PDB file of N, CA and C in Angstrom:
ATOM      1  N   MET A   1      -0.054  -2.452  14.448  1.00  0.00           N
ATOM      2  CA  MET A   1      -0.166  -2.166  12.943  1.00  0.00           C
ATOM      3  C   MET A   1      -0.663  -1.935  12.312  1.00  0.00           C
ATOM      4  N   THR A   2      -0.756  -1.183  11.648  1.00  0.00           N
ATOM      5  CA  THR A   2      -2.167  -0.536  10.454  1.00  0.00           C
ATOM      6  C   THR A   2      -1.324  -1.085   8.815  1.00  0.00           C
ATOM      7  N   THR A   3      -2.175  -1.875   8.871  1.00  0.00           N
ATOM      8  CA  THR A   3      -3.290  -2.092   7.195  1.00  0.00           C
ATOM      9  C   THR A   3      -3.370  -1.224   6.596  1.00  0.00           C
ATOM     10  N   PHE A   4      -2.218  -0.788   5.375  1.00  0.00           N
ATOM     11  CA  PHE A   4      -2.193  -0.289   4.047  1.00  0.00           C
ATOM     12  C   PHE A   4      -2.585  -1.241   3.365  1.00  0.00           C
ATOM     13  N   ILE A   5      -2.434  -0.735   2.076  1.00  0.00           N
ATOM     14  CA  ILE A   5      -2.718  -0.829   0.812  1.00  0.00           C
ATOM     15  C   ILE A   5      -2.730   0.096  -0.108  1.00  0.00           C
ATOM     16  N   MET A   6      -1.729  -0.210  -1.074  1.00  0.00           N
ATOM     17  CA  MET A   6      -0.415   0.612  -2.112  1.00  0.00           C
ATOM     18  C   MET A   6      -1.189   0.119  -3.672  1.00  0.00           C
ATOM     19  N   LEU A   7      -1.729   1.059  -3.868  1.00  0.00           N
ATOM     20  CA  LEU A   7      -1.927   1.007  -5.749  1.00  0.00           C
ATOM     21  C   LEU A   7      -0.528   1.412  -6.003  1.00  0.00           C
ATOM     22  N   THR A   8       0.534   1.002  -7.113  1.00  0.00           N
ATOM     23  CA  THR A   8       1.368   1.634  -7.941  1.00  0.00           C
ATOM     24  C   THR A   8       0.937   1.469  -9.238  1.00  0.00           C
ATOM     25  N   ARG A   9       1.248   2.729 -10.355  1.00  0.00           N
ATOM     26  CA  ARG A   9       2.044   2.685 -11.733  1.00  0.00           C
ATOM     27  C   ARG A   9       3.170   3.002 -12.195  1.00  0.00           C
ATOM     28  N   LEU A  10       3.921   2.281 -12.719  1.00  0.00           N
ATOM     29  CA  LEU A  10       4.811   2.281 -13.847  1.00  0.00           C
ATOM     30  C   LEU A  10       5.268   2.949 -14.664  1.00  0.00           C
ATOM     31  N   SER A  11       6.062   4.303 -14.796  1.00  0.00           N
ATOM     32  CA  SER A  11       5.897   4.580 -15.764  1.00  0.00           C
ATOM     33  C   SER A  11       6.666   4.010 -16.850  1.00  0.00           C
ATOM     34  N   HIS A  12       6.769   4.432 -17.950  1.00  0.00           N
ATOM     35  CA  HIS A  12       7.089   3.969 -19.252  1.00  0.00           C
ATOM     36  C   HIS A  12       8.049   3.828 -19.048  1.00  0.00           C
ATOM     37  N   GLN A  13       9.287   5.256 -18.313  1.00  0.00           N
ATOM     38  CA  GLN A  13      10.725   5.430 -18.443  1.00  0.00           C
ATOM     39  C   GLN A  13      11.254   4.057 -17.539  1.00  0.00           C
ATOM     40  N   ALA A  14      10.909   3.199 -16.828  1.00  0.00           N
ATOM     41  CA  ALA A  14      11.091   2.489 -15.431  1.00  0.00           C
ATOM     42  C   ALA A  14      10.559   1.170 -16.009  1.00  0.00           C
ATOM     43  N   LEU A  15      10.103   0.751 -16.804  1.00  0.00           N
ATOM     44  CA  LEU A  15       9.869  -0.506 -17.787  1.00  0.00           C
ATOM     45  C   LEU A  15      11.018  -0.857 -19.061  1.00  0.00           C
ATOM     46  N   GLN A  16      11.890  -0.228 -19.340  1.00  0.00           N
ATOM     47  CA  GLN A  16      12.754  -1.036 -20.143  1.00  0.00           C
ATOM     48  C   GLN A  16      12.812  -1.894 -20.436  1.00  0.00           C
ATOM     49  N   SER A  17      12.595  -3.463 -19.652  1.00  0.00           N
ATOM     50  CA  SER A  17      13.038  -4.716 -20.366  1.00  0.00           C
ATOM     51  C   SER A  17      11.839  -5.598 -19.338  1.00  0.00           C
ATOM     52  N   PRO A  18      11.225  -6.286 -19.732  1.00  0.00           N
ATOM     53  CA  PRO A  18      10.461  -7.544 -18.906  1.00  0.00           C
ATOM     54  C   PRO A  18      11.315  -7.359 -17.909  1.00  0.00           C
ATOM     55  N   ALA A  19      12.915  -7.641 -17.728  1.00  0.00           N
ATOM     56  CA  ALA A  19      13.497  -8.874 -16.869  1.00  0.00           C
ATOM     57  C   ALA A  19      13.755  -7.781 -16.149  1.00  0.00           C
ATOM     58  N   SER A  20      14.052  -6.965 -16.410  1.00  0.00           N
ATOM     59  CA  SER A  20      14.228  -5.373 -15.721  1.00  0.00           C
ATOM     60  C   SER A  20      13.283  -4.798 -13.789  1.00  0.00           C
ATOM     61  N   LEU A  21      12.117  -5.978 -14.301  1.00  0.00           N
ATOM     62  CA  LEU A  21      11.090  -5.576 -13.356  1.00  0.00           C
ATOM     63  C   LEU A  21      11.616  -6.280 -11.703  1.00  0.00           C
ATOM     64  N   GLU A  22      12.401  -7.119 -12.690  1.00  0.00           N
ATOM     65  CA  GLU A  22      12.374  -8.755 -10.698  1.00  0.00           C
ATOM     66  C   GLU A  22      13.810  -7.688 -10.656  1.00  0.00           C
ATOM     67  N   LYS A  23      15.102  -7.197 -11.191  1.00  0.00           N
ATOM     68  CA  LYS A  23      16.021  -6.525 -10.356  1.00  0.00           C
ATOM     69  C   LYS A  23      14.878  -5.385 -10.180  1.00  0.00           C
ATOM     70  N   LEU A  24      14.599  -4.674 -10.478  1.00  0.00           N
ATOM     71  CA  LEU A  24      13.918  -3.495  -9.812  1.00  0.00           C
ATOM     72  C   LEU A  24      13.190  -3.774  -8.100  1.00  0.00           C
ATOM     73  N   SER A  25      12.706  -4.814  -8.647  1.00  0.00           N
ATOM     74  CA  SER A  25      11.858  -5.198  -7.257  1.00  0.00           C
ATOM     75  C   SER A  25      12.210  -5.558  -6.107  1.00  0.00           C
ATOM     76  N   HIS A  26      13.879  -6.384  -6.559  1.00  0.00           N
ATOM     77  CA  HIS A  26      14.195  -7.046  -5.191  1.00  0.00           C
ATOM     78  C   HIS A  26      15.347  -5.288  -4.870  1.00  0.00           C
ATOM     79  N   GLU A  27      15.890  -4.649  -5.492  1.00  0.00           N
ATOM     80  CA  GLU A  27      16.588  -3.768  -5.076  1.00  0.00           C
ATOM     81  C   GLU A  27      15.079  -2.496  -4.373  1.00  0.00           C
ATOM     82  N   VAL A  28      14.161  -2.736  -4.943  1.00  0.00           N
ATOM     83  CA  VAL A  28      12.916  -1.625  -3.694  1.00  0.00           C
ATOM     84  C   VAL A  28      13.008  -2.132  -2.375  1.00  0.00           C
ATOM     85  N   ILE A  29      12.540  -3.569  -2.444  1.00  0.00           N
ATOM     86  CA  ILE A  29      12.554  -4.247  -1.347  1.00  0.00           C
ATOM     87  C   ILE A  29      13.613  -4.423  -0.309  1.00  0.00           C
ATOM     88  N   ARG A  30      15.255  -4.185  -1.184  1.00  0.00           N
ATOM     89  CA  ARG A  30      16.735  -4.283   0.251  1.00  0.00           C
ATOM     90  C   ARG A  30      16.334  -3.057   0.740  1.00  0.00           C
ATOM     91  N   ARG A  31      15.822  -1.766   0.140  1.00  0.00           N
ATOM     92  CA  ARG A  31      15.737  -0.213   0.823  1.00  0.00           C
ATOM     93  C   ARG A  31      14.198  -0.233   1.601  1.00  0.00           C
ATOM     94  N   ILE A  32      13.307  -1.269   1.111  1.00  0.00           N
ATOM     95  CA  ILE A  32      12.592  -1.306   2.342  1.00  0.00           C
ATOM     96  C   ILE A  32      12.614  -1.280   3.335  1.00  0.00           C
ATOM     97  N   ARG A  33      13.141  -2.777   3.471  1.00  0.00           N
ATOM     98  CA  ARG A  33      13.725  -3.755   4.731  1.00  0.00           C
ATOM     99  C   ARG A  33      15.227  -2.432   5.468  1.00  0.00           C
ATOM    100  N   SER A  34      15.620  -1.278   5.288  1.00  0.00           N
ATOM    101  CA  SER A  34      17.158  -1.142   5.507  1.00  0.00           C
ATOM    102  C   SER A  34      16.873  -0.084   6.238  1.00  0.00           C
ATOM    103  N   ASP A  35      15.554   1.145   5.327  1.00  0.00           N
ATOM    104  CA  ASP A  35      14.854   1.918   5.615  1.00  0.00           C
ATOM    105  C   ASP A  35      14.115   2.320   6.352  1.00  0.00           C
ATOM    106  N   CYS A  36      12.711   0.910   6.705  1.00  0.00           N
ATOM    107  CA  CYS A  36      11.313   1.187   6.785  1.00  0.00           C
ATOM    108  C   CYS A  36      11.534  -0.497   7.960  1.00  0.00           C
ATOM    109  N   PRO A  37      12.000   0.000   9.331  1.00  0.00           N
ATOM    110  CA  PRO A  37      11.996  -1.792  10.617  1.00  0.00           C
ATOM    111  C   PRO A  37      10.364  -1.690  10.710  1.00  0.00           C
ATOM    112  N   GLY A  38      10.016  -2.382  10.399  1.00  0.00           N
ATOM    113  CA  GLY A  38       8.721  -2.561  11.315  1.00  0.00           C
ATOM    114  C   GLY A  38       7.730  -3.196  10.323  1.00  0.00           C
ATOM    115  N   VAL A  39       7.761  -3.110   8.581  1.00  0.00           N
ATOM    116  CA  VAL A  39       7.246  -3.534   7.439  1.00  0.00           C
ATOM    117  C   VAL A  39       6.890  -4.032   7.554  1.00  0.00           C
ATOM    118  N   GLU A  40       5.173  -4.952   7.302  1.00  0.00           N
ATOM    119  CA  GLU A  40       6.358  -6.684   6.989  1.00  0.00           C
ATOM    120  C   GLU A  40       4.967  -6.743   5.713  1.00  0.00           C
ATOM    121  N   TRP A  41       5.454  -7.478   4.409  1.00  0.00           N
ATOM    122  CA  TRP A  41       4.838  -7.370   3.153  1.00  0.00           C
ATOM    123  C   TRP A  41       3.669  -8.274   3.742  1.00  0.00           C
ATOM    124  N   LYS A  42       2.441  -8.335   3.433  1.00  0.00           N
ATOM    125  CA  LYS A  42       2.049  -9.433   3.430  1.00  0.00           C
ATOM    126  C   LYS A  42       1.102  -9.944   1.765  1.00  0.00           C
ATOM    127  N   ALA A  43       1.381  -9.582   0.577  1.00  0.00           N
ATOM    128  CA  ALA A  43       0.357  -9.695  -0.597  1.00  0.00           C
ATOM    129  C   ALA A  43       1.160  -8.731  -1.122  1.00  0.00           C
ATOM    130  N   SER A  44       1.420  -9.387  -2.978  1.00  0.00           N
ATOM    131  CA  SER A  44       1.512  -8.034  -4.319  1.00  0.00           C
ATOM    132  C   SER A  44       0.883  -8.971  -5.132  1.00  0.00           C
ATOM    133  N   TYR A  45       0.583  -8.103  -6.132  1.00  0.00           N
ATOM    134  CA  TYR A  45      -0.503  -8.590  -7.165  1.00  0.00           C
ATOM    135  C   TYR A  45       0.016  -7.916  -8.982  1.00  0.00           C
ATOM    136  N   VAL A  46      -0.634  -8.315  -9.244  1.00  0.00           N
ATOM    137  CA  VAL A  46      -0.247  -8.024 -10.105  1.00  0.00           C
ATOM    138  C   VAL A  46      -1.337  -7.492 -11.211  1.00  0.00           C
ATOM    139  N   VAL A  47      -2.054  -6.577 -11.991  1.00  0.00           N
ATOM    140  CA  VAL A  47      -3.155  -6.163 -11.383  1.00  0.00           C
ATOM    141  C   VAL A  47      -4.069  -5.672 -13.585  1.00  0.00           C
ATOM    142  N   LEU A  48      -4.827  -5.611 -14.144  1.00  0.00           N
ATOM    143  CA  LEU A  48      -4.454  -5.146 -14.736  1.00  0.00           C
ATOM    144  C   LEU A  48      -5.937  -3.281 -14.796  1.00  0.00           C
ATOM    145  N   GLY A  49      -6.046  -2.556 -14.982  1.00  0.00           N
ATOM    146  CA  GLY A  49      -6.720  -1.716 -14.900  1.00  0.00           C
ATOM    147  C   GLY A  49      -5.999  -0.582 -14.583  1.00  0.00           C
ATOM    148  N   PRO A  50      -6.675   0.507 -14.268  1.00  0.00           N
ATOM    149  CA  PRO A  50      -5.112   1.792 -14.021  1.00  0.00           C
ATOM    150  C   PRO A  50      -4.428   1.272 -12.871  1.00  0.00           C
ATOM    151  N   SER A  51      -4.019   0.327 -12.109  1.00  0.00           N
ATOM    152  CA  SER A  51      -2.390   0.310 -12.031  1.00  0.00           C
ATOM    153  C   SER A  51      -2.196  -0.716 -12.318  1.00  0.00           C
ATOM    154  N   ASP A  52      -0.609  -0.660 -12.154  1.00  0.00           N
ATOM    155  CA  ASP A  52       0.041  -2.302 -12.329  1.00  0.00           C
ATOM    156  C   ASP A  52      -0.210  -3.053 -11.491  1.00  0.00           C
ATOM    157  N   TYR A  53      -0.101  -2.683  -9.773  1.00  0.00           N
ATOM    158  CA  TYR A  53       0.678  -3.389  -8.536  1.00  0.00           C
ATOM    159  C   TYR A  53      -0.280  -3.615  -7.708  1.00  0.00           C
ATOM    160  N   VAL A  54      -1.025  -3.982  -7.177  1.00  0.00           N
ATOM    161  CA  VAL A  54      -1.566  -3.278  -6.162  1.00  0.00           C
ATOM    162  C   VAL A  54      -0.515  -4.716  -4.198  1.00  0.00           C
ATOM    163  N   ASP A  55      -0.132  -4.203  -3.036  1.00  0.00           N
ATOM    164  CA  ASP A  55      -0.188  -4.163  -2.667  1.00  0.00           C
ATOM    165  C   ASP A  55       0.199  -4.197  -1.363  1.00  0.00           C
ATOM    166  N   ILE A  56       0.175  -5.098  -0.561  1.00  0.00           N
ATOM    167  CA  ILE A  56      -0.641  -5.105   1.161  1.00  0.00           C
ATOM    168  C   ILE A  56       0.388  -5.144   1.533  1.00  0.00           C
ATOM    169  N   PHE A  57       0.520  -4.284   2.842  1.00  0.00           N
ATOM    170  CA  PHE A  57       1.979  -4.278   3.716  1.00  0.00           C
ATOM    171  C   PHE A  57       0.930  -3.805   5.380  1.00  0.00           C
ATOM    172  N   THR A  58       1.464  -3.960   6.355  1.00  0.00           N
ATOM    173  CA  THR A  58       1.640  -3.153   7.615  1.00  0.00           C
ATOM    174  C   THR A  58       2.979  -2.505   7.740  1.00  0.00           C
ATOM    175  N   ALA A  59       2.609  -1.771   8.227  1.00  0.00           N
ATOM    176  CA  ALA A  59       3.423  -0.899   9.130  1.00  0.00           C
ATOM    177  C   ALA A  59       2.938  -0.704   9.944  1.00  0.00           C
ATOM    178  N   PRO A  60       4.450   0.466  11.243  1.00  0.00           N
ATOM    179  CA  PRO A  60       3.690   0.680  12.359  1.00  0.00           C
ATOM    180  C   PRO A  60       3.245   1.921  12.678  1.00  0.00           C
ATOM    181  N   ASP A  61       3.184   2.888  11.674  1.00  0.00           N
ATOM    182  CA  ASP A  61       2.163   4.339  11.696  1.00  0.00           C
ATOM    183  C   ASP A  61       2.428   5.075   9.306  1.00  0.00           C
ATOM    184  N   VAL A  62       1.565   5.876  10.166  1.00  0.00           N
ATOM    185  CA  VAL A  62       1.617   6.408   8.700  1.00  0.00           C
ATOM    186  C   VAL A  62       2.676   6.846   7.620  1.00  0.00           C
ATOM    187  N   VAL A  63       3.369   7.384   8.831  1.00  0.00           N
ATOM    188  CA  VAL A  63       5.047   7.671   8.305  1.00  0.00           C
ATOM    189  C   VAL A  63       5.572   6.565   7.909  1.00  0.00           C
ATOM    190  N   THR A  64       5.665   5.857   8.515  1.00  0.00           N
ATOM    191  CA  THR A  64       6.747   4.583   7.573  1.00  0.00           C
ATOM    192  C   THR A  64       5.972   4.173   6.242  1.00  0.00           C
ATOM    193  N   ALA A  65       4.262   4.317   6.212  1.00  0.00           N
ATOM    194  CA  ALA A  65       3.709   3.766   4.833  1.00  0.00           C
ATOM    195  C   ALA A  65       4.134   4.932   4.231  1.00  0.00           C
ATOM    196  N   THR A  66       4.212   6.659   3.865  1.00  0.00           N
ATOM    197  CA  THR A  66       4.574   7.025   3.409  1.00  0.00           C
ATOM    198  C   THR A  66       5.646   6.705   3.155  1.00  0.00           C
ATOM    199  N   LYS A  67       7.293   6.671   3.862  1.00  0.00           N
ATOM    200  CA  LYS A  67       8.059   5.588   3.669  1.00  0.00           C
ATOM    201  C   LYS A  67       8.301   5.276   2.835  1.00  0.00           C
ATOM    202  N   VAL A  68       7.531   4.340   2.851  1.00  0.00           N
ATOM    203  CA  VAL A  68       7.073   3.277   1.720  1.00  0.00           C
ATOM    204  C   VAL A  68       6.981   3.260   0.153  1.00  0.00           C
ATOM    205  N   ALA A  69       5.911   4.459   0.649  1.00  0.00           N
ATOM    206  CA  ALA A  69       5.253   5.161  -1.199  1.00  0.00           C
ATOM    207  C   ALA A  69       6.642   4.988  -1.408  1.00  0.00           C
ATOM    208  N   THR A  70       7.477   6.424  -0.833  1.00  0.00           N
ATOM    209  CA  THR A  70       8.446   7.396  -1.468  1.00  0.00           C
ATOM    210  C   THR A  70       8.951   6.614  -2.096  1.00  0.00           C
ATOM    211  N   ILE A  71       9.667   5.500  -1.185  1.00  0.00           N
ATOM    212  CA  ILE A  71      11.145   4.002  -2.344  1.00  0.00           C
ATOM    213  C   ILE A  71      10.766   4.064  -3.276  1.00  0.00           C
ATOM    214  N   ILE A  72       8.963   3.770  -3.774  1.00  0.00           N
ATOM    215  CA  ILE A  72       8.555   3.075  -4.551  1.00  0.00           C
ATOM    216  C   ILE A  72       8.546   4.229  -5.551  1.00  0.00           C
ATOM    217  N   ARG A  73       8.309   4.715  -5.423  1.00  0.00           N
ATOM    218  CA  ARG A  73       8.350   6.202  -6.418  1.00  0.00           C
ATOM    219  C   ARG A  73       9.363   6.702  -6.870  1.00  0.00           C
ATOM    220  N   THR A  74      10.797   6.976  -6.342  1.00  0.00           N
ATOM    221  CA  THR A  74      11.972   7.481  -6.286  1.00  0.00           C
ATOM    222  C   THR A  74      12.069   5.736  -7.567  1.00  0.00           C
ATOM    223  N   PHE A  75      12.721   4.877  -6.827  1.00  0.00           N
ATOM    224  CA  PHE A  75      13.296   3.107  -7.433  1.00  0.00           C
ATOM    225  C   PHE A  75      12.478   3.461  -8.526  1.00  0.00           C
ATOM    226  N   GLY A  76      10.910   3.533  -9.368  1.00  0.00           N
ATOM    227  CA  GLY A  76      10.175   2.462  -9.903  1.00  0.00           C
ATOM    228  C   GLY A  76       9.451   3.675 -10.857  1.00  0.00           C
ATOM    229  N   HIS A  77      10.326   4.952 -10.427  1.00  0.00           N
ATOM    230  CA  HIS A  77       9.623   6.138 -11.387  1.00  0.00           C
ATOM    231  C   HIS A  77       8.263   5.841 -11.155  1.00  0.00           C
ATOM    232  N   ALA A  78       7.656   5.905 -10.782  1.00  0.00           N
ATOM    233  CA  ALA A  78       5.819   6.146 -10.324  1.00  0.00           C
ATOM    234  C   ALA A  78       4.616   6.423  -9.871  1.00  0.00           C
ATOM    235  N   THR A  79       3.846   6.280  -9.669  1.00  0.00           N
ATOM    236  CA  THR A  79       3.190   6.849  -8.749  1.00  0.00           C
ATOM    237  C   THR A  79       2.360   6.011  -7.790  1.00  0.00           C
ATOM    238  N   THR A  80       1.716   5.908  -6.756  1.00  0.00           N
ATOM    239  CA  THR A  80       1.024   5.413  -5.929  1.00  0.00           C
ATOM    240  C   THR A  80       0.338   6.459  -5.134  1.00  0.00           C
ATOM    241  N   GLU A  81      -0.920   5.792  -4.645  1.00  0.00           N
ATOM    242  CA  GLU A  81      -1.999   5.401  -3.795  1.00  0.00           C
ATOM    243  C   GLU A  81      -1.779   4.527  -2.718  1.00  0.00           C
ATOM    244  N   VAL A  82      -1.615   5.348  -1.069  1.00  0.00           N
ATOM    245  CA  VAL A  82      -2.038   4.420  -0.156  1.00  0.00           C
ATOM    246  C   VAL A  82      -2.354   4.757   0.079  1.00  0.00           C
ATOM    247  N   TRP A  83      -3.377   4.139   0.611  1.00  0.00           N
ATOM    248  CA  TRP A  83      -4.904   3.520   1.872  1.00  0.00           C
ATOM    249  C   TRP A  83      -4.624   2.510   3.425  1.00  0.00           C
ATOM    250  N   PRO A  84      -5.018   3.466   4.025  1.00  0.00           N
ATOM    251  CA  PRO A  84      -5.365   2.657   5.173  1.00  0.00           C
ATOM    252  C   PRO A  84      -6.382   1.681   4.913  1.00  0.00           C
ATOM    253  N   ALA A  85      -6.149   0.731   5.799  1.00  0.00           N
ATOM    254  CA  ALA A  85      -7.440  -0.649   5.327  1.00  0.00           C
ATOM    255  C   ALA A  85      -7.939  -1.192   6.976  1.00  0.00           C
ATOM    256  N   THR A  86      -8.979  -1.409   7.175  1.00  0.00           N
ATOM    257  CA  THR A  86      -9.033  -1.691   8.921  1.00  0.00           C
ATOM    258  C   THR A  86      -9.933  -3.096   8.089  1.00  0.00           C
ATOM    259  N   ALA A  87      -9.444  -4.358   8.478  1.00  0.00           N
ATOM    260  CA  ALA A  87     -10.271  -5.336   8.702  1.00  0.00           C
ATOM    261  C   ALA A  87     -12.034  -5.426   9.053  1.00  0.00           C
ATOM    262  N   TRP A  88     -12.627  -6.531   8.266  1.00  0.00           N
ATOM    263  CA  TRP A  88     -14.035  -6.071   8.110  1.00  0.00           C
ATOM    264  C   TRP A  88     -14.367  -6.536   9.585  1.00  0.00           C
ATOM    265  N   SER A  89     -14.045  -7.822  10.556  1.00  0.00           N
ATOM    266  CA  SER A  89     -14.670  -8.105  12.102  1.00  0.00           C
ATOM    267  C   SER A  89     -13.577  -6.976  12.560  1.00  0.00           C
ATOM    268  N   ASP A  90     -12.409  -5.922  12.416  1.00  0.00           N
ATOM    269  CA  ASP A  90     -12.211  -5.472  13.014  1.00  0.00           C
ATOM    270  C   ASP A  90     -14.075  -3.398  13.215  1.00  0.00           C
ATOM    271  N   PHE A  91     -13.735  -3.801  12.178  1.00  0.00           N
ATOM    272  CA  PHE A  91     -14.720  -2.492  11.623  1.00  0.00           C
ATOM    273  C   PHE A  91     -16.643  -3.549  12.373  1.00  0.00           C
ATOM    274  N   VAL A  92     -16.610  -4.096  11.619  1.00  0.00           N
ATOM    275  CA  VAL A  92     -18.140  -5.117  12.839  1.00  0.00           C
ATOM    276  C   VAL A  92     -18.058  -4.634  14.079  1.00  0.00           C
ATOM    277  N   GLN A  93     -16.885  -4.618  15.097  1.00  0.00           N
ATOM    278  CA  GLN A  93     -16.564  -4.393  16.071  1.00  0.00           C
ATOM    279  C   GLN A  93     -17.202  -2.926  16.659  1.00  0.00           C
ATOM    280  N   ILE A  94     -16.135  -1.952  15.758  1.00  0.00           N
ATOM    281  CA  ILE A  94     -16.554  -0.776  16.430  1.00  0.00           C
ATOM    282  C   ILE A  94     -17.969   0.015  15.891  1.00  0.00           C
ATOM    283  N   ALA A  95     -18.481  -0.691  14.787  1.00  0.00           N
ATOM    284  CA  ALA A  95     -19.776  -0.372  14.085  1.00  0.00           C
ATOM    285  C   ALA A  95     -20.646  -0.541  14.790  1.00  0.00           C
ATOM    286  N   ARG A  96     -20.556  -2.182  15.961  1.00  0.00           N
ATOM    287  CA  ARG A  96     -21.437  -2.196  17.455  1.00  0.00           C
ATOM    288  C   ARG A  96     -21.440  -1.347  18.118  1.00  0.00           C
ATOM    289  N   THR A  97     -20.306  -0.547  18.246  1.00  0.00           N
ATOM    290  CA  THR A  97     -20.491   0.805  19.820  1.00  0.00           C
ATOM    291  C   THR A  97     -20.553   1.782  19.078  1.00  0.00           C
ATOM    292  N   MET A  98     -21.021   2.083  17.721  1.00  0.00           N
ATOM    293  CA  MET A  98     -21.578   3.521  17.880  1.00  0.00           C
ATOM    294  C   MET A  98     -23.102   3.799  17.653  1.00  0.00           C
ATOM    295  N   PRO A  99     -23.478   4.679  18.491  1.00  0.00           N
ATOM    296  CA  PRO A  99     -24.744   5.233  18.820  1.00  0.00           C
ATOM    297  C   PRO A  99     -25.765   4.870  16.847  1.00  0.00           C
ATOM    298  N   PRO A 100     -26.575   3.958  16.586  1.00  0.00           N
ATOM    299  CA  PRO A 100     -28.101   5.050  15.502  1.00  0.00           C
ATOM    300  C   PRO A 100     -27.810   6.224  15.620  1.00  0.00           C
ATOM    301  N   ALA A 101     -28.170   6.811  13.841  1.00  0.00           N
ATOM    302  CA  ALA A 101     -28.208   8.000  13.547  1.00  0.00           C
ATOM    303  C   ALA A 101     -29.364   8.467  13.863  1.00  0.00           C
ATOM    304  N   ILE A 102     -29.701   9.642  13.957  1.00  0.00           N
ATOM    305  CA  ILE A 102     -31.112   9.708  14.664  1.00  0.00           C
ATOM    306  C   ILE A 102     -31.780  11.086  13.549  1.00  0.00           C
ATOM    307  N   ILE A 103     -32.546  10.646  13.087  1.00  0.00           N
ATOM    308  CA  ILE A 103     -33.252  10.893  11.884  1.00  0.00           C
ATOM    309  C   ILE A 103     -34.467  12.172  12.106  1.00  0.00           C
ATOM    310  N   PRO A 104     -34.270  12.705  11.760  1.00  0.00           N
ATOM    311  CA  PRO A 104     -35.863  13.540  12.112  1.00  0.00           C
ATOM    312  C   PRO A 104     -37.412  13.746  11.618  1.00  0.00           C
ATOM    313  N   GLN A 105     -37.659  13.425  12.386  1.00  0.00           N
ATOM    314  CA  GLN A 105     -39.388  13.558  12.359  1.00  0.00           C
ATOM    315  C   GLN A 105     -39.870  14.583  11.130  1.00  0.00           C
ATOM    316  N   ALA A 106     -40.057  14.884  10.025  1.00  0.00           N
ATOM    317  CA  ALA A 106     -41.114  15.914   9.098  1.00  0.00           C
ATOM    318  C   ALA A 106     -42.210  15.733  10.215  1.00  0.00           C
TER     319      ALA A 106
END
């Protein structure tokens, strides 16, 4: 399974009332569960900055992660960015197998 980090920013049209956000999230979760088997939600955060939310989830492939982002966009009138992520421990293992850079001598 690949880990994905998704940044979401809701449009003003999606923010009818604070109470509507909870209902919207339940509907989005239901749709993702039915349309994207194999997706496992790891964490969700509300953040201050250019994005409103950061979600971390795993999915079997990038096509499934794209479906998750598309569902979020259509339900929440939102923009999303989805990034594949590699755990630091896995990156260290990858880096150990790579040859050193060859720097030409002047």
